[in-house]
Amino acid sequence: MKAKAKNTRRRVAPVTEGSGNVFVDLGLPNPEQELIKAQLALQIYTILKSSGMTQVESAKILGVQQPQVSLLMRNRAGNFSVGRLM
Protein backbone atom coordinates (compact mmCIF):
# COMPACT_ATOMS: atom_id res chain seq x y z
CA MET A 1 0.00 0.00 0.00
CA LYS A 2 1.40 3.41 -0.98
CA ALA A 3 1.51 6.28 1.47
CA LYS A 4 -0.49 9.32 0.45
CA ALA A 5 1.51 12.42 -0.39
CA LYS A 6 1.03 15.35 1.95
CA ASN A 7 -0.90 18.26 0.58
CA THR A 8 1.71 21.01 0.36
CA ARG A 9 -0.74 23.77 -0.51
CA ARG A 10 -0.92 26.38 2.20
CA ARG A 11 -4.07 28.13 3.15
CA VAL A 12 -3.71 31.84 3.53
CA ALA A 13 -6.08 33.51 5.94
CA PRO A 14 -7.22 37.01 5.11
CA VAL A 15 -5.54 39.65 7.23
CA THR A 16 -7.15 42.90 8.28
CA GLU A 17 -5.03 45.59 9.88
CA GLY A 18 -6.29 46.50 13.32
CA SER A 19 -7.20 49.97 14.48
CA GLY A 20 -4.81 49.84 17.44
CA ASN A 21 -7.70 49.22 19.84
CA VAL A 22 -8.87 45.62 19.87
CA PHE A 23 -12.09 46.67 21.61
CA VAL A 24 -12.99 48.87 18.61
CA ASP A 25 -12.08 46.04 16.23
CA LEU A 26 -14.39 43.66 18.11
CA GLY A 27 -17.23 46.17 18.05
CA LEU A 28 -17.57 46.30 21.83
CA PRO A 29 -19.36 49.19 23.56
CA ASN A 30 -17.18 51.92 25.08
CA PRO A 31 -13.97 50.70 23.43
CA GLU A 32 -11.83 53.63 24.59
CA GLN A 33 -12.83 53.05 28.21
CA GLU A 34 -12.16 49.31 27.89
CA LEU A 35 -8.68 49.96 26.49
CA ILE A 36 -7.86 52.32 29.37
CA LYS A 37 -9.10 49.71 31.87
CA ALA A 38 -6.95 47.03 30.25
CA GLN A 39 -3.87 49.28 30.34
CA LEU A 40 -4.45 50.20 33.97
CA ALA A 41 -5.02 46.56 34.95
CA LEU A 42 -1.73 45.61 33.27
CA GLN A 43 0.14 48.31 35.19
CA ILE A 44 -1.44 47.22 38.48
CA TYR A 45 -0.60 43.59 37.73
CA THR A 46 3.03 44.48 36.92
CA ILE A 47 3.45 46.49 40.12
CA LEU A 48 1.82 43.88 42.36
CA LYS A 49 3.71 41.00 40.76
CA SER A 50 7.08 42.72 41.14
CA SER A 51 6.35 43.72 44.76
CA GLY A 52 6.46 40.12 45.97
CA MET A 53 3.54 40.78 48.30
CA THR A 54 0.77 38.29 48.82
CA GLN A 55 -2.70 39.09 47.56
CA VAL A 56 -3.85 39.66 51.13
CA GLU A 57 -1.03 42.17 51.73
CA SER A 58 -1.77 43.89 48.43
CA ALA A 59 -5.47 44.08 49.26
CA LYS A 60 -4.75 45.81 52.57
CA ILE A 61 -2.57 48.43 50.87
CA LEU A 62 -5.11 48.99 48.08
CA GLY A 63 -8.05 49.11 50.46
CA VAL A 64 -9.93 46.28 48.73
CA GLN A 65 -10.77 42.67 49.49
CA GLN A 66 -8.39 39.87 48.48
CA PRO A 67 -10.81 38.44 45.88
CA GLN A 68 -10.67 41.76 44.04
CA VAL A 69 -6.88 41.55 43.91
CA SER A 70 -7.24 38.02 42.59
CA LEU A 71 -9.48 39.32 39.78
CA LEU A 72 -6.92 41.95 38.85
CA MET A 73 -4.11 39.39 38.88
CA ARG A 74 -6.12 37.28 36.43
CA ASN A 75 -6.79 40.29 34.16
CA ARG A 76 -10.47 40.44 35.06
CA ALA A 77 -10.85 44.21 35.29
CA GLY A 78 -14.29 44.23 33.66
CA ASN A 79 -16.09 44.89 36.95
CA PHE A 80 -13.83 47.80 37.89
CA SER A 81 -14.40 51.36 36.74
CA VAL A 82 -11.55 53.44 35.32
CA GLY A 83 -11.79 55.69 38.36
CA ARG A 84 -11.51 52.77 40.75
CA LEU A 85 -8.50 51.37 38.93
CA MET A 86 -6.80 54.74 39.07
C-alpha atoms as a PDB file:
ATOM      1  CA  MET A   1       0.000   0.000   0.000  1.00  0.00           C
ATOM      2  CA  LYS A   2       1.397   3.415  -0.982  1.00  0.00           C
ATOM      3  CA  ALA A   3       1.511   6.281   1.474  1.00  0.00           C
ATOM      4  CA  LYS A   4      -0.486   9.321   0.445  1.00  0.00           C
ATOM      5  CA  ALA A   5       1.509  12.416  -0.390  1.00  0.00           C
ATOM      6  CA  LYS A   6       1.026  15.348   1.954  1.00  0.00           C
ATOM      7  CA  ASN A   7      -0.896  18.258   0.582  1.00  0.00           C
ATOM      8  CA  THR A   8       1.713  21.008   0.360  1.00  0.00           C
ATOM      9  CA  ARG A   9      -0.741  23.768  -0.507  1.00  0.00           C
ATOM     10  CA  ARG A  10      -0.917  26.381   2.195  1.00  0.00           C
ATOM     11  CA  ARG A  11      -4.069  28.125   3.152  1.00  0.00           C
ATOM     12  CA  VAL A  12      -3.707  31.839   3.530  1.00  0.00           C
ATOM     13  CA  ALA A  13      -6.080  33.506   5.943  1.00  0.00           C
ATOM     14  CA  PRO A  14      -7.223  37.012   5.110  1.00  0.00           C
ATOM     15  CA  VAL A  15      -5.535  39.651   7.229  1.00  0.00           C
ATOM     16  CA  THR A  16      -7.146  42.896   8.280  1.00  0.00           C
ATOM     17  CA  GLU A  17      -5.029  45.588   9.880  1.00  0.00           C
ATOM     18  CA  GLY A  18      -6.293  46.502  13.318  1.00  0.00           C
ATOM     19  CA  SER A  19      -7.200  49.973  14.482  1.00  0.00           C
ATOM     20  CA  GLY A  20      -4.807  49.844  17.441  1.00  0.00           C
ATOM     21  CA  ASN A  21      -7.702  49.224  19.839  1.00  0.00           C
ATOM     22  CA  VAL A  22      -8.870  45.619  19.871  1.00  0.00           C
ATOM     23  CA  PHE A  23     -12.086  46.665  21.610  1.00  0.00           C
ATOM     24  CA  VAL A  24     -12.987  48.873  18.606  1.00  0.00           C
ATOM     25  CA  ASP A  25     -12.081  46.042  16.233  1.00  0.00           C
ATOM     26  CA  LEU A  26     -14.387  43.656  18.115  1.00  0.00           C
ATOM     27  CA  GLY A  27     -17.230  46.170  18.046  1.00  0.00           C
ATOM     28  CA  LEU A  28     -17.569  46.299  21.827  1.00  0.00           C
ATOM     29  CA  PRO A  29     -19.358  49.185  23.561  1.00  0.00           C
ATOM     30  CA  ASN A  30     -17.181  51.924  25.084  1.00  0.00           C
ATOM     31  CA  PRO A  31     -13.969  50.703  23.432  1.00  0.00           C
ATOM     32  CA  GLU A  32     -11.826  53.630  24.593  1.00  0.00           C
ATOM     33  CA  GLN A  33     -12.829  53.046  28.207  1.00  0.00           C
ATOM     34  CA  GLU A  34     -12.164  49.308  27.894  1.00  0.00           C
ATOM     35  CA  LEU A  35      -8.684  49.958  26.488  1.00  0.00           C
ATOM     36  CA  ILE A  36      -7.864  52.317  29.367  1.00  0.00           C
ATOM     37  CA  LYS A  37      -9.095  49.711  31.872  1.00  0.00           C
ATOM     38  CA  ALA A  38      -6.945  47.032  30.251  1.00  0.00           C
ATOM     39  CA  GLN A  39      -3.875  49.283  30.338  1.00  0.00           C
ATOM     40  CA  LEU A  40      -4.455  50.202  33.975  1.00  0.00           C
ATOM     41  CA  ALA A  41      -5.021  46.564  34.950  1.00  0.00           C
ATOM     42  CA  LEU A  42      -1.731  45.614  33.266  1.00  0.00           C
ATOM     43  CA  GLN A  43       0.136  48.308  35.189  1.00  0.00           C
ATOM     44  CA  ILE A  44      -1.437  47.222  38.483  1.00  0.00           C
ATOM     45  CA  TYR A  45      -0.597  43.590  37.727  1.00  0.00           C
ATOM     46  CA  THR A  46       3.025  44.476  36.922  1.00  0.00           C
ATOM     47  CA  ILE A  47       3.453  46.490  40.121  1.00  0.00           C
ATOM     48  CA  LEU A  48       1.822  43.884  42.356  1.00  0.00           C
ATOM     49  CA  LYS A  49       3.710  40.999  40.764  1.00  0.00           C
ATOM     50  CA  SER A  50       7.080  42.723  41.143  1.00  0.00           C
ATOM     51  CA  SER A  51       6.353  43.718  44.763  1.00  0.00           C
ATOM     52  CA  GLY A  52       6.463  40.122  45.967  1.00  0.00           C
ATOM     53  CA  MET A  53       3.542  40.784  48.304  1.00  0.00           C
ATOM     54  CA  THR A  54       0.773  38.287  48.820  1.00  0.00           C
ATOM     55  CA  GLN A  55      -2.701  39.095  47.556  1.00  0.00           C
ATOM     56  CA  VAL A  56      -3.846  39.657  51.134  1.00  0.00           C
ATOM     57  CA  GLU A  57      -1.027  42.171  51.730  1.00  0.00           C
ATOM     58  CA  SER A  58      -1.766  43.895  48.426  1.00  0.00           C
ATOM     59  CA  ALA A  59      -5.466  44.082  49.261  1.00  0.00           C
ATOM     60  CA  LYS A  60      -4.752  45.814  52.572  1.00  0.00           C
ATOM     61  CA  ILE A  61      -2.573  48.426  50.870  1.00  0.00           C
ATOM     62  CA  LEU A  62      -5.106  48.994  48.081  1.00  0.00           C
ATOM     63  CA  GLY A  63      -8.053  49.105  50.462  1.00  0.00           C
ATOM     64  CA  VAL A  64      -9.928  46.279  48.727  1.00  0.00           C
ATOM     65  CA  GLN A  65     -10.766  42.667  49.490  1.00  0.00           C
ATOM     66  CA  GLN A  66      -8.389  39.867  48.478  1.00  0.00           C
ATOM     67  CA  PRO A  67     -10.812  38.437  45.876  1.00  0.00           C
ATOM     68  CA  GLN A  68     -10.674  41.764  44.036  1.00  0.00           C
ATOM     69  CA  VAL A  69      -6.878  41.555  43.913  1.00  0.00           C
ATOM     70  CA  SER A  70      -7.243  38.025  42.588  1.00  0.00           C
ATOM     71  CA  LEU A  71      -9.479  39.322  39.785  1.00  0.00           C
ATOM     72  CA  LEU A  72      -6.923  41.949  38.845  1.00  0.00           C
ATOM     73  CA  MET A  73      -4.108  39.394  38.882  1.00  0.00           C
ATOM     74  CA  ARG A  74      -6.121  37.284  36.433  1.00  0.00           C
ATOM     75  CA  ASN A  75      -6.789  40.288  34.165  1.00  0.00           C
ATOM     76  CA  ARG A  76     -10.470  40.442  35.062  1.00  0.00           C
ATOM     77  CA  ALA A  77     -10.850  44.214  35.290  1.00  0.00           C
ATOM     78  CA  GLY A  78     -14.286  44.232  33.662  1.00  0.00           C
ATOM     79  CA  ASN A  79     -16.088  44.888  36.950  1.00  0.00           C
ATOM     80  CA  PHE A  80     -13.834  47.800  37.886  1.00  0.00           C
ATOM     81  CA  SER A  81     -14.397  51.362  36.744  1.00  0.00           C
ATOM     82  CA  VAL A  82     -11.548  53.438  35.324  1.00  0.00           C
ATOM     83  CA  GLY A  83     -11.788  55.693  38.363  1.00  0.00           C
ATOM     84  CA  ARG A  84     -11.512  52.771  40.747  1.00  0.00           C
ATOM     85  CA  LEU A  85      -8.497  51.366  38.929  1.00  0.00           C
ATOM     86  CA  MET A  86      -6.800  54.743  39.067  1.00  0.00           C
END
